[in-house]
Amino acid sequence: MTDIPLTAADRRSARSELGRRRMTAFLFVAPLLLFLLFTFAAPIGTMLVRGFYHPTVSTLIPDSLKALKAWDRTGLPPAETQAIFAADLKRLADERLSGKMAEELNRVVPGSSSLVKSTARKIARAEDSEIAASGAALLAAADEKWTDPEVWRGIITSGNTFTADYFLTAMDLERSPAGGIMPRDGARIYVDLFIKTLKMALIITIATLILGYPLAHYLATAPAKTANLLMVFVLLPFWTSLLVRTTAWIALLQTNGVVNSFLMGAGITRSPFEMLYTEFSTIVAMTHILLPFMILPLYSVMKGIDPSYMRAALSMGARPLPAFFRVYLPMTLPGLSAGALLVFIISVGYYITPALVGGTKGQMISNIIAFHMQQSNNWELAAALGTMLLVVILLLYWVYDRFVGAGNIKFG
């Protein structure tokens, strides 16, 4: 058969039809793309930027920061520079923004919040001409701490629009007076909490695997009627409020709760165990909540495994345990790895359950992030901690994809 050549009009019509189809497909996908943009990409992007972008102080005292650039950071700034800062402080007091300046400087120089606030109140009474002529003297008269160069260096540090200091704080590091990086004085807070969070997430993942693997295997091999009934119980937690499930564990684990009452009534112990507001309570409650996330991926993979493989291995003389580890277990690795990754990642970022049943001993890094967002109002440090948590999760996913991904699992 001879192909009929297309005319120019036919080609234009075909391109027009193809363009219409592409536009239709795009319009169908556009709502999903907008949803992902505003609920996923935008919040994460804002968090990433806020971790190192901090223009608050630079917008509060721009003239002072510009004048302080010429200071060599030894001794005290020139009197003219101090007078400019005094004028800025008076303006902030008039605009009721001195509290914000005090809050920002206090993060860099602890204890300087009251210094800024009290000085702003005193400077506000002075005339502009008096501040321009003797601003340095007014500051020194208001509080002798203004004669400490460390306070002025703190103003410069807090005025950096772009800074990595919040990431240093998140890693329990700080800058030395010479500008280098050194470990922060005192106990480590955030690094230890990151390690504790990863350890608890690993324990929860192992616990859900130990409990979920046998149950998923039984569901996959049980008769349909029995499997369907048990699957209802597996899915039942999804139909119950997370707050209700967590509160139930408070009733079970508290000092006068069900568990302690049973143990004392049975004569197993004479005094109640301290189980609530500990790492133990967080691990137990989260294991219960996240168990379905381990069972479902395992069940979906196990259901597709032909039982004849194990029967063939046993018929050829293999013992049950070696046959399980050499034949059955490798075929379940996709579901096992997917369930473990899912449970681990959810555990690392969990917030509600550790906050309710963990207390101070069972809290995780997500609780500290929430504290800085809701109570200390240090959004920049919260963003830095959240960014580090995101990096850890992405690194774990890369390791999973590199070594345990579907393309790396081989059978036989």
Protein backbone atom coordinates (compact mmCIF):
# COMPACT_ATOMS: atom_id res chain seq x y z
CA MET A 1 0.00 0.00 0.00
CA THR A 2 1.31 3.41 -0.93
CA ASP A 3 1.27 6.05 1.81
CA ILE A 4 -0.63 9.18 0.90
CA PRO A 5 1.56 12.20 1.59
CA LEU A 6 0.17 14.71 4.09
CA THR A 7 -0.52 18.19 2.90
CA ALA A 8 0.61 21.27 4.80
CA ALA A 9 -2.96 21.81 6.00
CA ASP A 10 -3.10 18.26 7.34
CA ARG A 11 0.14 18.74 9.26
CA ARG A 12 -1.11 22.00 10.75
CA SER A 13 -4.35 20.31 11.77
CA ALA A 14 -2.45 17.42 13.38
CA ARG A 15 -0.19 19.82 15.32
CA SER A 16 -3.23 21.80 16.43
CA GLU A 17 -4.99 18.66 17.62
CA LEU A 18 -1.87 17.50 19.47
CA GLY A 19 -1.59 20.91 21.13
CA ARG A 20 -5.22 20.78 22.25
CA ARG A 21 -4.72 17.32 23.74
CA ARG A 22 -1.63 18.43 25.61
CA MET A 23 -3.45 21.49 26.95
CA THR A 24 -6.38 19.32 28.06
CA ALA A 25 -4.02 16.94 29.83
CA PHE A 26 -2.26 19.86 31.51
CA LEU A 27 -5.56 21.37 32.70
CA PHE A 28 -6.48 18.04 34.29
CA VAL A 29 -3.13 17.91 36.12
CA ALA A 30 -2.97 21.64 36.97
CA PRO A 31 -5.07 21.43 40.21
CA LEU A 32 -2.77 18.72 41.54
CA LEU A 33 0.32 20.72 40.61
CA LEU A 34 -1.05 23.84 42.32
CA PHE A 35 -1.95 21.80 45.39
CA LEU A 36 1.59 20.38 45.61
CA LEU A 37 3.08 23.82 45.01
CA PHE A 38 1.18 25.59 47.80
CA THR A 39 1.04 22.77 50.36
CA PHE A 40 4.39 21.06 49.81
CA ALA A 41 6.96 22.97 47.77
CA ALA A 42 6.20 26.46 49.13
CA PRO A 43 6.34 25.53 52.86
CA ILE A 44 9.54 23.52 52.42
CA GLY A 45 11.10 26.30 50.36
CA THR A 46 10.15 28.87 52.98
CA MET A 47 11.69 26.72 55.69
CA LEU A 48 14.92 26.28 53.75
CA VAL A 49 15.24 30.02 53.14
CA ARG A 50 14.32 31.03 56.67
CA GLY A 51 17.09 28.89 58.11
CA PHE A 52 19.77 31.28 56.79
CA TYR A 53 17.83 34.44 55.79
CA HIS A 54 17.21 36.74 58.77
CA PRO A 55 16.58 40.38 57.81
CA THR A 56 14.82 41.44 61.05
CA VAL A 57 17.61 43.43 62.70
CA SER A 58 18.85 44.87 59.40
CA THR A 59 15.40 46.42 58.90
CA LEU A 60 15.19 47.68 62.49
CA ILE A 61 18.54 49.53 62.72
CA PRO A 62 19.90 49.91 59.16
CA ASP A 63 21.80 53.16 59.91
CA SER A 64 23.54 51.68 62.95
CA LEU A 65 24.65 48.58 61.07
CA LYS A 66 25.97 50.69 58.22
CA ALA A 67 28.02 52.78 60.68
CA LEU A 68 29.28 49.69 62.54
CA LYS A 69 30.80 48.28 59.33
CA ALA A 70 33.69 50.73 59.71
CA TRP A 71 34.42 49.54 63.27
CA ASP A 72 37.38 47.15 63.65
CA ARG A 73 35.63 45.28 66.52
CA THR A 74 38.36 46.18 69.02
CA GLY A 75 37.62 48.52 71.89
CA LEU A 76 34.37 50.46 71.61
CA PRO A 77 32.78 51.83 68.43
CA PRO A 78 33.36 55.54 67.72
CA ALA A 79 31.16 57.98 69.61
CA GLU A 80 29.45 58.99 66.37
CA THR A 81 28.47 55.38 65.71
CA GLN A 82 27.10 55.00 69.23
CA ALA A 83 25.08 58.20 68.77
CA ILE A 84 23.54 56.76 65.57
CA PHE A 85 22.56 53.60 67.47
CA ALA A 86 21.08 55.71 70.29
CA ALA A 87 18.98 57.57 67.72
CA ASP A 88 17.81 54.25 66.23
CA LEU A 89 16.97 53.00 69.70
CA LYS A 90 14.89 56.11 70.41
CA ARG A 91 13.03 55.61 67.13
CA LEU A 92 12.35 51.96 67.99
CA ALA A 93 11.03 53.00 71.39
CA ASP A 94 8.68 55.51 69.76
CA GLU A 95 7.49 52.86 67.29
CA ARG A 96 7.19 50.24 70.06
CA LEU A 97 9.73 47.99 68.35
CA SER A 98 12.42 48.03 71.02
CA GLY A 99 11.09 44.73 72.39
CA LYS A 100 11.74 43.04 69.04
CA MET A 101 15.28 44.41 68.98
CA ALA A 102 15.81 43.19 72.54
CA GLU A 103 14.57 39.72 71.60
CA GLU A 104 16.89 39.46 68.59
CA LEU A 105 19.98 40.70 70.45
CA ASN A 106 19.26 38.44 73.40
CA ARG A 107 19.65 35.40 71.16
CA VAL A 108 23.22 36.41 70.39
CA VAL A 109 24.19 38.01 73.72
CA PRO A 110 22.20 36.27 76.48
CA GLY A 111 20.93 38.66 79.12
CA SER A 112 20.78 41.70 76.84
CA SER A 113 16.99 41.79 76.57
CA SER A 114 16.53 43.89 79.71
CA LEU A 115 19.51 46.00 78.65
CA VAL A 116 17.88 47.08 75.39
CA LYS A 117 14.43 47.58 76.87
CA SER A 118 15.54 49.68 79.86
CA THR A 119 17.92 51.75 77.74
CA ALA A 120 15.21 52.39 75.13
CA ARG A 121 12.89 53.72 77.83
CA LYS A 122 15.57 56.14 79.11
CA ILE A 123 16.75 57.22 75.65
CA ALA A 124 13.15 57.94 74.60
CA ARG A 125 13.05 60.85 77.07
CA ALA A 126 16.08 62.58 75.51
CA GLU A 127 15.90 65.17 72.77
CA ASP A 128 17.21 64.38 69.28
CA SER A 129 19.82 67.12 69.56
CA GLU A 130 21.04 65.72 72.87
CA ILE A 131 21.35 62.23 71.39
CA ALA A 132 23.28 63.52 68.37
CA ALA A 133 25.70 65.43 70.62
CA SER A 134 26.26 62.88 73.42
CA GLY A 135 24.60 59.60 72.42
CA ALA A 136 27.54 57.51 73.67
CA ALA A 137 27.40 59.17 77.09
CA LEU A 138 23.65 58.60 77.31
CA LEU A 139 24.09 54.90 76.57
CA ALA A 140 26.83 54.52 79.17
CA ALA A 141 24.75 56.43 81.71
CA ALA A 142 21.73 54.22 81.01
CA ASP A 143 23.71 51.00 81.59
CA GLU A 144 27.40 50.30 81.92
CA LYS A 145 27.05 47.17 79.78
CA TRP A 146 27.19 49.46 76.74
CA THR A 147 30.90 49.86 77.50
CA ASP A 148 31.37 46.14 76.80
CA PRO A 149 32.57 45.54 73.20
CA GLU A 150 30.90 42.11 73.26
CA VAL A 151 27.47 43.76 73.17
CA TRP A 152 28.40 45.77 70.07
CA ARG A 153 29.83 42.70 68.35
CA GLY A 154 26.54 40.96 69.15
CA ILE A 155 24.63 43.76 67.40
CA ILE A 156 26.71 43.22 64.27
CA THR A 157 26.17 39.46 64.41
CA SER A 158 22.43 39.77 64.89
CA GLY A 159 22.27 42.24 62.00
CA ASN A 160 23.58 39.81 59.38
CA THR A 161 20.87 39.32 56.77
CA PHE A 162 22.33 35.98 55.67
CA THR A 163 23.84 33.85 58.40
CA ALA A 164 24.72 30.23 59.12
CA ASP A 165 24.64 30.76 62.87
CA TYR A 166 21.30 29.01 63.30
CA PHE A 167 22.65 25.90 61.60
CA LEU A 168 25.69 26.08 63.87
CA THR A 169 23.39 26.27 66.89
CA ALA A 170 21.42 23.29 65.56
CA MET A 171 24.72 21.34 65.51
CA ASP A 172 25.72 22.59 69.00
CA LEU A 173 28.44 24.80 67.55
CA GLU A 174 29.16 28.50 67.85
CA ARG A 175 31.53 31.12 66.53
CA SER A 176 34.63 32.02 68.50
CA PRO A 177 35.53 35.69 69.12
CA ALA A 178 38.00 35.38 66.23
CA GLY A 179 35.22 34.25 63.88
CA GLY A 180 36.06 30.55 63.81
CA ILE A 181 33.75 27.64 64.61
CA MET A 182 34.04 25.77 67.90
CA PRO A 183 31.86 23.48 70.07
CA ARG A 184 29.36 25.34 72.19
CA ASP A 185 30.03 25.55 75.92
CA GLY A 186 27.94 23.26 78.07
CA ALA A 187 26.06 20.06 77.28
CA ARG A 188 25.08 19.17 73.76
CA ILE A 189 21.35 19.64 73.22
CA TYR A 190 20.35 19.27 69.61
CA VAL A 191 22.90 16.70 68.42
CA ASP A 192 22.04 14.41 71.33
CA LEU A 193 18.35 14.89 70.61
CA PHE A 194 18.87 14.03 66.93
CA ILE A 195 20.72 10.86 67.96
CA LYS A 196 17.99 10.02 70.47
CA THR A 197 15.31 10.55 67.81
CA LEU A 198 17.07 8.28 65.31
CA LYS A 199 17.60 5.63 68.00
CA MET A 200 13.95 5.67 69.04
CA ALA A 201 12.82 5.58 65.40
CA LEU A 202 15.05 2.53 64.81
CA ILE A 203 13.65 0.75 67.87
CA ILE A 204 10.08 1.49 66.73
CA THR A 205 10.87 0.21 63.23
CA ILE A 206 12.35 -3.03 64.59
CA ALA A 207 9.39 -3.48 66.97
CA THR A 208 6.83 -3.02 64.18
CA LEU A 209 8.81 -5.45 62.01
CA ILE A 210 8.90 -8.13 64.71
CA LEU A 211 5.18 -7.76 65.34
CA GLY A 212 4.07 -7.11 61.77
CA TYR A 213 6.00 -9.72 59.78
CA PRO A 214 4.36 -12.84 61.31
CA LEU A 215 0.91 -11.21 61.18
CA ALA A 216 1.35 -10.18 57.53
CA HIS A 217 2.47 -13.73 56.70
CA TYR A 218 -0.56 -15.20 58.41
CA LEU A 219 -2.89 -12.77 56.62
CA ALA A 220 -1.34 -13.68 53.26
CA THR A 221 -1.70 -17.45 53.81
CA ALA A 222 -4.95 -17.63 55.82
CA PRO A 223 -8.32 -18.42 54.23
CA ALA A 224 -10.00 -15.44 52.62
CA LYS A 225 -12.72 -15.15 55.25
CA THR A 226 -10.27 -15.15 58.15
CA ALA A 227 -7.84 -12.82 56.38
CA ASN A 228 -10.60 -10.31 55.61
CA LEU A 229 -11.76 -10.30 59.22
CA LEU A 230 -8.24 -9.77 60.56
CA MET A 231 -7.58 -7.07 57.97
CA VAL A 232 -10.48 -5.11 59.45
CA PHE A 233 -8.68 -5.10 62.81
CA VAL A 234 -5.46 -4.03 61.12
CA LEU A 235 -7.22 -1.10 59.45
CA LEU A 236 -9.29 -0.22 62.51
CA PRO A 237 -6.69 2.27 63.88
CA PHE A 238 -7.09 4.35 60.69
CA TRP A 239 -10.77 4.80 61.56
CA THR A 240 -9.97 6.05 65.07
CA SER A 241 -8.69 9.50 65.94
CA LEU A 242 -4.95 9.66 66.59
CA LEU A 243 -5.65 11.77 69.67
CA VAL A 244 -8.01 9.12 71.04
CA ARG A 245 -5.49 6.33 70.49
CA THR A 246 -2.73 8.32 72.17
CA THR A 247 -4.95 9.31 75.10
CA ALA A 248 -5.84 5.64 75.59
CA TRP A 249 -2.18 4.88 76.20
CA ILE A 250 -2.09 7.60 78.87
CA ALA A 251 -4.93 5.82 80.67
CA LEU A 252 -3.11 2.50 80.33
CA LEU A 253 0.40 3.56 81.36
CA GLN A 254 -0.12 6.21 84.03
CA THR A 255 0.78 5.51 87.67
CA ASN A 256 -2.77 4.55 88.61
CA GLY A 257 -3.56 3.21 85.15
CA VAL A 258 -4.77 -0.14 83.93
CA VAL A 259 -1.34 -1.77 83.59
CA ASN A 260 -0.06 -0.76 87.03
CA SER A 261 -3.37 -1.65 88.66
CA PHE A 262 -3.22 -5.12 87.11
CA LEU A 263 0.41 -5.69 88.14
CA MET A 264 -0.24 -4.59 91.70
CA GLY A 265 -3.51 -6.55 91.92
CA ALA A 266 -1.77 -9.70 90.68
CA GLY A 267 0.98 -9.27 93.27
CA ILE A 268 3.70 -8.88 90.63
CA THR A 269 4.82 -5.56 92.10
CA ARG A 270 4.11 -3.64 95.30
CA SER A 271 4.56 -0.17 93.87
CA PRO A 272 3.60 1.21 90.45
CA PHE A 273 6.14 1.48 87.65
CA GLU A 274 6.94 4.86 86.12
CA MET A 275 5.97 4.10 82.54
CA LEU A 276 4.29 7.29 81.38
CA TYR A 277 6.32 10.29 80.17
CA THR A 278 9.35 8.16 79.34
CA GLU A 279 11.06 6.84 76.22
CA PHE A 280 9.32 3.52 76.88
CA SER A 281 5.84 5.05 76.66
CA THR A 282 6.71 6.89 73.45
CA ILE A 283 8.07 3.74 71.83
CA VAL A 284 5.10 1.59 72.88
CA ALA A 285 2.47 4.10 71.75
CA MET A 286 4.16 4.84 68.44
CA THR A 287 4.70 1.14 67.73
CA HIS A 288 0.97 0.59 68.14
CA ILE A 289 0.10 3.55 65.93
CA LEU A 290 2.60 2.78 63.14
CA LEU A 291 2.16 -1.00 63.05
CA PRO A 292 -0.32 -0.90 60.10
CA PHE A 293 2.26 0.99 58.03
CA MET A 294 4.52 -2.07 58.34
CA ILE A 295 1.85 -4.73 57.88
CA LEU A 296 0.24 -3.38 54.72
CA PRO A 297 3.39 -3.23 52.49
CA LEU A 298 4.43 -6.68 53.73
CA TYR A 299 0.98 -8.12 53.11
CA SER A 300 0.78 -6.71 49.58
CA VAL A 301 4.08 -8.39 48.68
CA MET A 302 3.45 -11.67 50.51
CA LYS A 303 0.05 -12.06 48.88
CA GLY A 304 1.74 -12.26 45.48
CA ILE A 305 4.27 -14.97 46.48
CA ASP A 306 3.39 -18.42 45.18
CA PRO A 307 3.27 -20.90 48.14
CA SER A 308 4.63 -23.61 45.85
CA TYR A 309 8.13 -22.11 46.18
CA MET A 310 8.38 -23.08 49.84
CA ARG A 311 6.79 -26.47 49.20
CA ALA A 312 9.31 -27.12 46.44
CA ALA A 313 12.22 -26.20 48.71
CA LEU A 314 10.93 -28.48 51.49
CA SER A 315 10.30 -31.33 49.05
CA MET A 316 13.93 -31.09 47.90
CA GLY A 317 15.17 -31.72 51.44
CA ALA A 318 15.61 -28.19 52.80
CA ARG A 319 14.80 -27.62 56.46
CA PRO A 320 11.98 -25.14 57.19
CA LEU A 321 14.16 -22.41 58.72
CA PRO A 322 16.90 -22.41 56.03
CA ALA A 323 14.21 -22.60 53.35
CA PHE A 324 12.48 -19.57 54.85
CA PHE A 325 15.65 -17.48 54.95
CA ARG A 326 16.90 -18.53 51.50
CA VAL A 327 13.63 -18.69 49.57
CA TYR A 328 10.77 -16.82 51.24
CA LEU A 329 12.50 -13.95 53.04
CA PRO A 330 14.35 -12.60 49.94
CA MET A 331 11.07 -12.41 48.05
CA THR A 332 9.51 -10.29 50.82
CA LEU A 333 12.38 -7.78 50.90
CA PRO A 334 10.58 -5.18 48.75
CA GLY A 335 7.68 -5.03 51.20
CA LEU A 336 9.95 -5.28 54.22
CA SER A 337 12.22 -2.46 53.09
CA ALA A 338 9.30 -0.26 52.04
CA GLY A 339 7.52 -0.79 55.37
CA ALA A 340 10.70 -0.20 57.37
CA LEU A 341 11.49 3.00 55.45
CA LEU A 342 7.92 4.26 55.84
CA VAL A 343 7.78 3.59 59.58
CA PHE A 344 11.26 5.00 60.22
CA ILE A 345 10.63 8.26 58.31
CA ILE A 346 7.25 8.79 59.99
CA SER A 347 8.78 8.07 63.40
CA VAL A 348 11.59 10.58 62.94
CA GLY A 349 9.16 13.44 62.32
CA TYR A 350 6.34 12.40 64.68
CA TYR A 351 5.05 15.06 67.05
CA ILE A 352 1.65 14.43 68.70
CA THR A 353 2.34 11.12 70.41
CA PRO A 354 5.76 12.07 71.92
CA ALA A 355 4.26 15.37 73.09
CA LEU A 356 1.37 13.65 74.90
CA VAL A 357 2.93 10.48 76.34
CA GLY A 358 6.68 11.17 76.17
CA GLY A 359 7.06 14.17 78.46
CA THR A 360 10.57 15.59 78.73
CA LYS A 361 12.25 12.16 78.70
CA GLY A 362 10.46 10.83 75.64
CA GLN A 363 10.42 13.93 73.47
CA MET A 364 11.90 13.91 69.98
CA ILE A 365 13.43 16.54 67.72
CA SER A 366 10.00 17.44 66.32
CA ASN A 367 8.90 18.58 69.79
CA ILE A 368 11.85 20.97 70.02
CA ILE A 369 11.05 22.35 66.56
CA ALA A 370 7.47 22.97 67.69
CA PHE A 371 8.76 24.64 70.89
CA HIS A 372 10.85 27.14 68.94
CA MET A 373 7.94 27.90 66.62
CA GLN A 374 5.22 28.25 69.23
CA GLN A 375 6.90 29.38 72.46
CA SER A 376 10.39 30.80 71.99
CA ASN A 377 9.32 32.36 68.64
CA ASN A 378 12.72 31.48 67.18
CA TRP A 379 11.50 30.52 63.72
CA GLU A 380 14.99 30.67 62.23
CA LEU A 381 16.36 28.01 64.59
CA ALA A 382 13.23 25.92 64.06
CA ALA A 383 13.78 26.21 60.29
CA ALA A 384 17.43 25.18 60.66
CA LEU A 385 16.46 22.13 62.74
CA GLY A 386 13.71 21.25 60.26
CA THR A 387 16.13 21.56 57.36
CA MET A 388 18.60 19.24 59.07
CA LEU A 389 15.79 16.76 59.70
CA LEU A 390 14.82 16.95 56.02
CA VAL A 391 18.44 16.33 55.00
CA VAL A 392 18.61 13.28 57.29
CA ILE A 393 15.41 11.86 55.77
CA LEU A 394 16.60 12.48 52.21
CA LEU A 395 19.93 10.85 53.03
CA LEU A 396 18.17 7.81 54.44
CA TYR A 397 16.00 7.58 51.35
CA TRP A 398 19.09 7.81 49.14
CA VAL A 399 20.75 5.00 51.11
CA TYR A 400 17.57 2.94 50.77
CA ASP A 401 17.34 3.56 47.04
CA ARG A 402 21.07 2.93 46.55
CA PHE A 403 21.37 -0.32 48.45
CA VAL A 404 17.86 -1.71 49.04
CA GLY A 405 15.83 -0.23 46.17
CA ALA A 406 13.80 -2.42 43.88
CA GLY A 407 16.53 -2.32 41.26
CA ASN A 408 19.09 -3.70 43.71
CA ILE A 409 17.03 -6.67 44.97
CA LYS A 410 17.97 -9.88 43.20
CA PHE A 411 16.34 -13.26 43.61
CA GLY A 412 17.77 -16.68 43.15
